[in-house]
Amino acid sequence: MRCTNMQLRHSRPELEPRFVAVTPTRDADYWGMPLGNNLFAVVPNPFLVYGEEMHTAGGMREAFNSNYRLGNTYGRFTIKEAAIFQFGTIGKVFRRGQLEAEQ
């Protein structure tokens, strides 16, 4: 999955992130597992660098509660709880997950 309106959110951060499925998975910022009823358990791609762009425009702050600090870039993070996304034609955050960022 990937936030499709990431570039627009740079200038309009009040917009909610819009997520779509992408393939191959190596190109995805988020990975999801179907739970049924159009719900997916979602975690960030473990190879993702978690920095300001992903936090403010890429949907991470809406999808996960975290210890992210402005100006920091994190190469590792631990998922404490997966986020739950709901998908129709466009995905949205149904319930925020929890992650701990590590430098």
N, C-alpha and C. Protein backbone atom coordinates (compact mmCIF):
# COMPACT_ATOMS: atom_id res chain seq x y z
N MET A 1 0.84 -1.17 0.00
CA MET A 1 0.00 0.00 0.00
C MET A 1 0.89 1.24 0.00
N ARG A 2 0.32 2.29 -0.50
CA ARG A 2 1.05 3.54 -0.59
C ARG A 2 0.06 4.69 -0.48
N CYS A 3 0.51 5.80 0.09
CA CYS A 3 -0.28 7.02 0.18
C CYS A 3 -0.23 7.70 -1.19
N THR A 4 -1.38 7.80 -1.86
CA THR A 4 -1.41 8.33 -3.22
C THR A 4 -1.41 9.84 -3.30
N ASN A 5 -1.77 10.51 -2.22
CA ASN A 5 -1.81 11.98 -2.26
C ASN A 5 -0.68 12.61 -1.44
N MET A 6 0.43 11.90 -1.35
CA MET A 6 1.58 12.36 -0.56
C MET A 6 2.09 13.72 -1.03
N GLN A 7 2.27 13.91 -2.32
CA GLN A 7 2.78 15.18 -2.82
C GLN A 7 1.83 16.34 -2.53
N LEU A 8 0.55 16.12 -2.70
CA LEU A 8 -0.44 17.15 -2.43
C LEU A 8 -0.47 17.50 -0.93
N ARG A 9 -0.24 16.52 -0.08
CA ARG A 9 -0.28 16.74 1.37
C ARG A 9 0.89 17.60 1.85
N HIS A 10 1.94 17.75 1.05
CA HIS A 10 3.03 18.65 1.41
C HIS A 10 2.51 20.08 1.53
N SER A 11 1.66 20.47 0.60
CA SER A 11 1.12 21.84 0.61
C SER A 11 -0.23 21.93 1.33
N ARG A 12 -0.89 20.79 1.50
CA ARG A 12 -2.19 20.77 2.18
C ARG A 12 -2.21 19.65 3.22
N PRO A 13 -1.48 19.82 4.32
CA PRO A 13 -1.35 18.75 5.32
C PRO A 13 -2.64 18.38 6.02
N GLU A 14 -3.68 19.22 5.88
CA GLU A 14 -4.96 18.91 6.52
C GLU A 14 -5.72 17.80 5.80
N LEU A 15 -5.33 17.48 4.56
CA LEU A 15 -5.97 16.40 3.82
C LEU A 15 -5.67 15.05 4.46
N GLU A 16 -6.67 14.17 4.50
CA GLU A 16 -6.45 12.82 4.99
C GLU A 16 -5.65 12.04 3.95
N PRO A 17 -4.76 11.15 4.40
CA PRO A 17 -4.04 10.32 3.44
C PRO A 17 -4.99 9.35 2.74
N ARG A 18 -4.71 9.08 1.47
CA ARG A 18 -5.48 8.12 0.69
C ARG A 18 -4.54 6.99 0.30
N PHE A 19 -4.91 5.78 0.63
CA PHE A 19 -4.05 4.62 0.42
C PHE A 19 -4.62 3.72 -0.66
N VAL A 20 -3.72 3.17 -1.48
CA VAL A 20 -4.09 2.18 -2.49
C VAL A 20 -3.10 1.03 -2.44
N ALA A 21 -3.53 -0.11 -2.92
CA ALA A 21 -2.65 -1.27 -3.02
C ALA A 21 -1.69 -1.07 -4.17
N VAL A 22 -0.44 -1.48 -4.00
CA VAL A 22 0.56 -1.41 -5.07
C VAL A 22 1.30 -2.73 -5.15
N THR A 23 1.77 -3.04 -6.35
CA THR A 23 2.63 -4.20 -6.54
C THR A 23 3.79 -3.76 -7.40
N PRO A 24 4.96 -4.32 -7.23
CA PRO A 24 5.31 -5.34 -6.26
C PRO A 24 5.40 -4.76 -4.84
N THR A 25 5.38 -5.63 -3.86
CA THR A 25 5.38 -5.18 -2.47
C THR A 25 6.63 -4.39 -2.11
N ARG A 26 7.73 -4.59 -2.81
CA ARG A 26 8.94 -3.82 -2.49
C ARG A 26 8.74 -2.32 -2.76
N ASP A 27 7.74 -1.97 -3.59
CA ASP A 27 7.42 -0.58 -3.89
C ASP A 27 6.42 0.02 -2.91
N ALA A 28 5.92 -0.80 -2.00
CA ALA A 28 4.89 -0.35 -1.06
C ALA A 28 5.53 0.25 0.20
N ASP A 29 4.88 1.28 0.73
CA ASP A 29 5.32 1.85 2.00
C ASP A 29 4.70 1.12 3.18
N TYR A 30 3.58 0.44 2.93
CA TYR A 30 2.87 -0.31 3.96
C TYR A 30 2.53 -1.69 3.43
N TRP A 31 2.56 -2.67 4.32
CA TRP A 31 2.16 -4.03 3.98
C TRP A 31 0.92 -4.37 4.76
N GLY A 32 -0.02 -5.08 4.13
CA GLY A 32 -1.27 -5.41 4.79
C GLY A 32 -1.63 -6.87 4.66
N MET A 33 -2.36 -7.35 5.67
CA MET A 33 -2.88 -8.72 5.71
C MET A 33 -4.39 -8.62 5.85
N PRO A 34 -5.15 -9.26 4.94
CA PRO A 34 -6.61 -9.15 5.02
C PRO A 34 -7.16 -9.81 6.29
N LEU A 35 -8.13 -9.12 6.89
CA LEU A 35 -8.80 -9.63 8.09
C LEU A 35 -10.25 -10.02 7.80
N GLY A 36 -10.75 -9.64 6.63
CA GLY A 36 -12.16 -9.85 6.28
C GLY A 36 -12.92 -8.55 6.41
N ASN A 37 -14.10 -8.48 5.79
CA ASN A 37 -14.97 -7.30 5.84
C ASN A 37 -14.25 -6.03 5.39
N ASN A 38 -13.37 -6.13 4.40
CA ASN A 38 -12.61 -4.99 3.86
C ASN A 38 -11.66 -4.36 4.86
N LEU A 39 -11.29 -5.08 5.91
CA LEU A 39 -10.32 -4.60 6.90
C LEU A 39 -8.99 -5.31 6.70
N PHE A 40 -7.89 -4.55 6.92
CA PHE A 40 -6.55 -5.09 6.77
C PHE A 40 -5.70 -4.69 7.97
N ALA A 41 -4.93 -5.62 8.51
CA ALA A 41 -3.90 -5.31 9.51
C ALA A 41 -2.71 -4.79 8.71
N VAL A 42 -2.22 -3.60 9.07
CA VAL A 42 -1.21 -2.92 8.26
C VAL A 42 0.00 -2.55 9.11
N VAL A 43 1.18 -2.79 8.55
CA VAL A 43 2.45 -2.39 9.16
C VAL A 43 3.28 -1.66 8.11
N PRO A 44 4.20 -0.79 8.54
CA PRO A 44 5.09 -0.15 7.56
C PRO A 44 6.03 -1.19 6.94
N ASN A 45 6.39 -0.98 5.70
CA ASN A 45 7.41 -1.81 5.06
C ASN A 45 8.65 -1.77 5.95
N PRO A 46 9.18 -2.93 6.35
CA PRO A 46 10.32 -2.93 7.29
C PRO A 46 11.60 -2.30 6.72
N PHE A 47 11.64 -2.09 5.41
CA PHE A 47 12.81 -1.47 4.79
C PHE A 47 12.64 0.05 4.63
N LEU A 48 11.52 0.57 5.11
CA LEU A 48 11.21 1.98 5.01
C LEU A 48 12.10 2.81 5.93
N VAL A 49 12.57 3.95 5.43
CA VAL A 49 13.25 4.93 6.28
C VAL A 49 12.16 5.88 6.75
N TYR A 50 12.00 5.98 8.07
CA TYR A 50 10.94 6.77 8.66
C TYR A 50 11.47 8.15 9.00
N GLY A 51 11.14 9.11 8.15
CA GLY A 51 11.58 10.48 8.34
C GLY A 51 10.40 11.43 8.27
N GLU A 52 10.73 12.71 8.18
CA GLU A 52 9.70 13.75 8.22
C GLU A 52 8.68 13.61 7.09
N GLU A 53 9.15 13.30 5.87
CA GLU A 53 8.22 13.19 4.74
C GLU A 53 7.19 12.08 4.97
N MET A 54 7.63 10.91 5.42
CA MET A 54 6.70 9.81 5.68
C MET A 54 5.77 10.15 6.84
N HIS A 55 6.29 10.86 7.84
CA HIS A 55 5.47 11.19 9.00
C HIS A 55 4.41 12.23 8.65
N THR A 56 4.79 13.30 7.99
CA THR A 56 3.86 14.40 7.76
C THR A 56 3.01 14.23 6.50
N ALA A 57 3.56 13.66 5.43
CA ALA A 57 2.82 13.56 4.17
C ALA A 57 2.48 12.13 3.78
N GLY A 58 3.25 11.17 4.24
CA GLY A 58 3.08 9.78 3.81
C GLY A 58 2.09 8.96 4.60
N GLY A 59 1.46 9.56 5.59
CA GLY A 59 0.40 8.87 6.31
C GLY A 59 0.79 8.20 7.62
N MET A 60 2.08 8.23 7.97
CA MET A 60 2.50 7.53 9.20
C MET A 60 1.88 8.14 10.46
N ARG A 61 1.78 9.47 10.54
CA ARG A 61 1.24 10.06 11.77
C ARG A 61 -0.25 9.75 11.93
N GLU A 62 -0.96 9.55 10.82
CA GLU A 62 -2.37 9.17 10.91
C GLU A 62 -2.54 7.68 11.18
N ALA A 63 -1.61 6.86 10.70
CA ALA A 63 -1.74 5.42 10.82
C ALA A 63 -1.20 4.87 12.14
N PHE A 64 -0.18 5.55 12.71
CA PHE A 64 0.48 5.01 13.90
C PHE A 64 0.75 6.07 14.96
N ASN A 65 0.46 5.73 16.19
CA ASN A 65 0.98 6.49 17.33
C ASN A 65 2.45 6.08 17.44
N SER A 66 3.33 7.05 17.62
CA SER A 66 4.75 6.71 17.69
C SER A 66 5.50 7.73 18.52
N ASN A 67 6.76 7.45 18.73
CA ASN A 67 7.65 8.37 19.44
C ASN A 67 8.47 9.21 18.45
N TYR A 68 7.99 9.35 17.21
CA TYR A 68 8.68 10.15 16.20
C TYR A 68 8.92 11.57 16.72
N ARG A 69 10.12 12.08 16.46
CA ARG A 69 10.47 13.46 16.83
C ARG A 69 10.89 14.20 15.56
N LEU A 70 10.30 15.39 15.37
CA LEU A 70 10.57 16.21 14.20
C LEU A 70 12.06 16.40 13.98
N GLY A 71 12.49 16.22 12.73
CA GLY A 71 13.89 16.40 12.38
C GLY A 71 14.71 15.12 12.46
N ASN A 72 14.16 14.07 13.06
CA ASN A 72 14.89 12.80 13.16
C ASN A 72 14.53 11.89 11.99
N THR A 73 15.44 11.00 11.67
CA THR A 73 15.22 9.96 10.67
C THR A 73 15.53 8.64 11.34
N TYR A 74 14.61 7.70 11.19
CA TYR A 74 14.73 6.41 11.86
C TYR A 74 14.89 5.29 10.84
N GLY A 75 15.88 4.46 11.04
CA GLY A 75 16.13 3.33 10.15
C GLY A 75 15.53 2.04 10.66
N ARG A 76 15.07 2.07 11.90
CA ARG A 76 14.46 0.87 12.51
C ARG A 76 13.25 1.29 13.32
N PHE A 77 12.30 0.38 13.43
CA PHE A 77 11.15 0.61 14.29
C PHE A 77 10.59 -0.74 14.69
N THR A 78 9.94 -0.76 15.83
CA THR A 78 9.29 -1.96 16.34
C THR A 78 7.79 -1.72 16.34
N ILE A 79 7.06 -2.65 15.74
CA ILE A 79 5.61 -2.55 15.71
C ILE A 79 5.07 -3.12 17.01
N LYS A 80 4.36 -2.29 17.75
CA LYS A 80 3.72 -2.74 18.99
C LYS A 80 2.31 -3.23 18.70
N GLU A 81 1.65 -2.60 17.72
CA GLU A 81 0.31 -3.00 17.30
C GLU A 81 0.09 -2.54 15.87
N ALA A 82 -0.40 -3.44 15.03
CA ALA A 82 -0.67 -3.10 13.63
C ALA A 82 -1.81 -2.10 13.55
N ALA A 83 -1.77 -1.24 12.54
CA ALA A 83 -2.90 -0.36 12.24
C ALA A 83 -3.95 -1.19 11.51
N ILE A 84 -5.18 -0.73 11.57
CA ILE A 84 -6.25 -1.38 10.81
C ILE A 84 -6.73 -0.37 9.77
N PHE A 85 -6.65 -0.78 8.50
CA PHE A 85 -7.13 0.05 7.41
C PHE A 85 -8.43 -0.56 6.89
N GLN A 86 -9.32 0.30 6.43
CA GLN A 86 -10.55 -0.14 5.80
C GLN A 86 -10.47 0.24 4.33
N PHE A 87 -10.76 -0.72 3.47
CA PHE A 87 -10.67 -0.48 2.03
C PHE A 87 -12.01 -0.62 1.36
N GLY A 88 -12.34 0.39 0.56
CA GLY A 88 -13.39 0.32 -0.45
C GLY A 88 -12.60 0.41 -1.73
N THR A 89 -12.73 1.53 -2.43
CA THR A 89 -11.86 1.76 -3.58
C THR A 89 -10.56 2.43 -3.13
N ILE A 90 -10.64 3.23 -2.06
CA ILE A 90 -9.48 3.89 -1.48
C ILE A 90 -9.40 3.48 -0.01
N GLY A 91 -8.20 3.22 0.47
CA GLY A 91 -8.04 2.82 1.85
C GLY A 91 -7.97 4.01 2.79
N LYS A 92 -8.44 3.81 4.00
CA LYS A 92 -8.32 4.83 5.03
C LYS A 92 -8.02 4.15 6.36
N VAL A 93 -7.46 4.91 7.27
CA VAL A 93 -7.12 4.37 8.58
C VAL A 93 -8.41 4.17 9.37
N PHE A 94 -8.64 2.96 9.83
CA PHE A 94 -9.81 2.61 10.63
C PHE A 94 -9.46 2.68 12.11
N ARG A 95 -8.28 2.16 12.46
CA ARG A 95 -7.77 2.24 13.83
C ARG A 95 -6.26 2.38 13.79
N ARG A 96 -5.73 3.36 14.52
CA ARG A 96 -4.28 3.60 14.54
C ARG A 96 -3.56 2.45 15.23
N GLY A 97 -2.36 2.17 14.71
CA GLY A 97 -1.48 1.21 15.35
C GLY A 97 -0.49 1.92 16.27
N GLN A 98 0.47 1.15 16.75
CA GLN A 98 1.48 1.69 17.67
C GLN A 98 2.84 1.20 17.21
N LEU A 99 3.80 2.13 17.09
CA LEU A 99 5.17 1.72 16.78
C LEU A 99 6.16 2.54 17.59
N GLU A 100 7.32 1.93 17.78
CA GLU A 100 8.41 2.59 18.49
C GLU A 100 9.57 2.75 17.52
N ALA A 101 9.90 4.00 17.21
CA ALA A 101 10.99 4.29 16.27
C ALA A 101 12.33 4.22 17.00
N GLU A 102 13.34 3.69 16.30
CA GLU A 102 14.68 3.53 16.87
C GLU A 102 15.70 4.08 15.88
N GLN A 103 16.66 4.88 16.38
CA GLN A 103 17.66 5.44 15.48
C GLN A 103 18.78 4.47 15.22
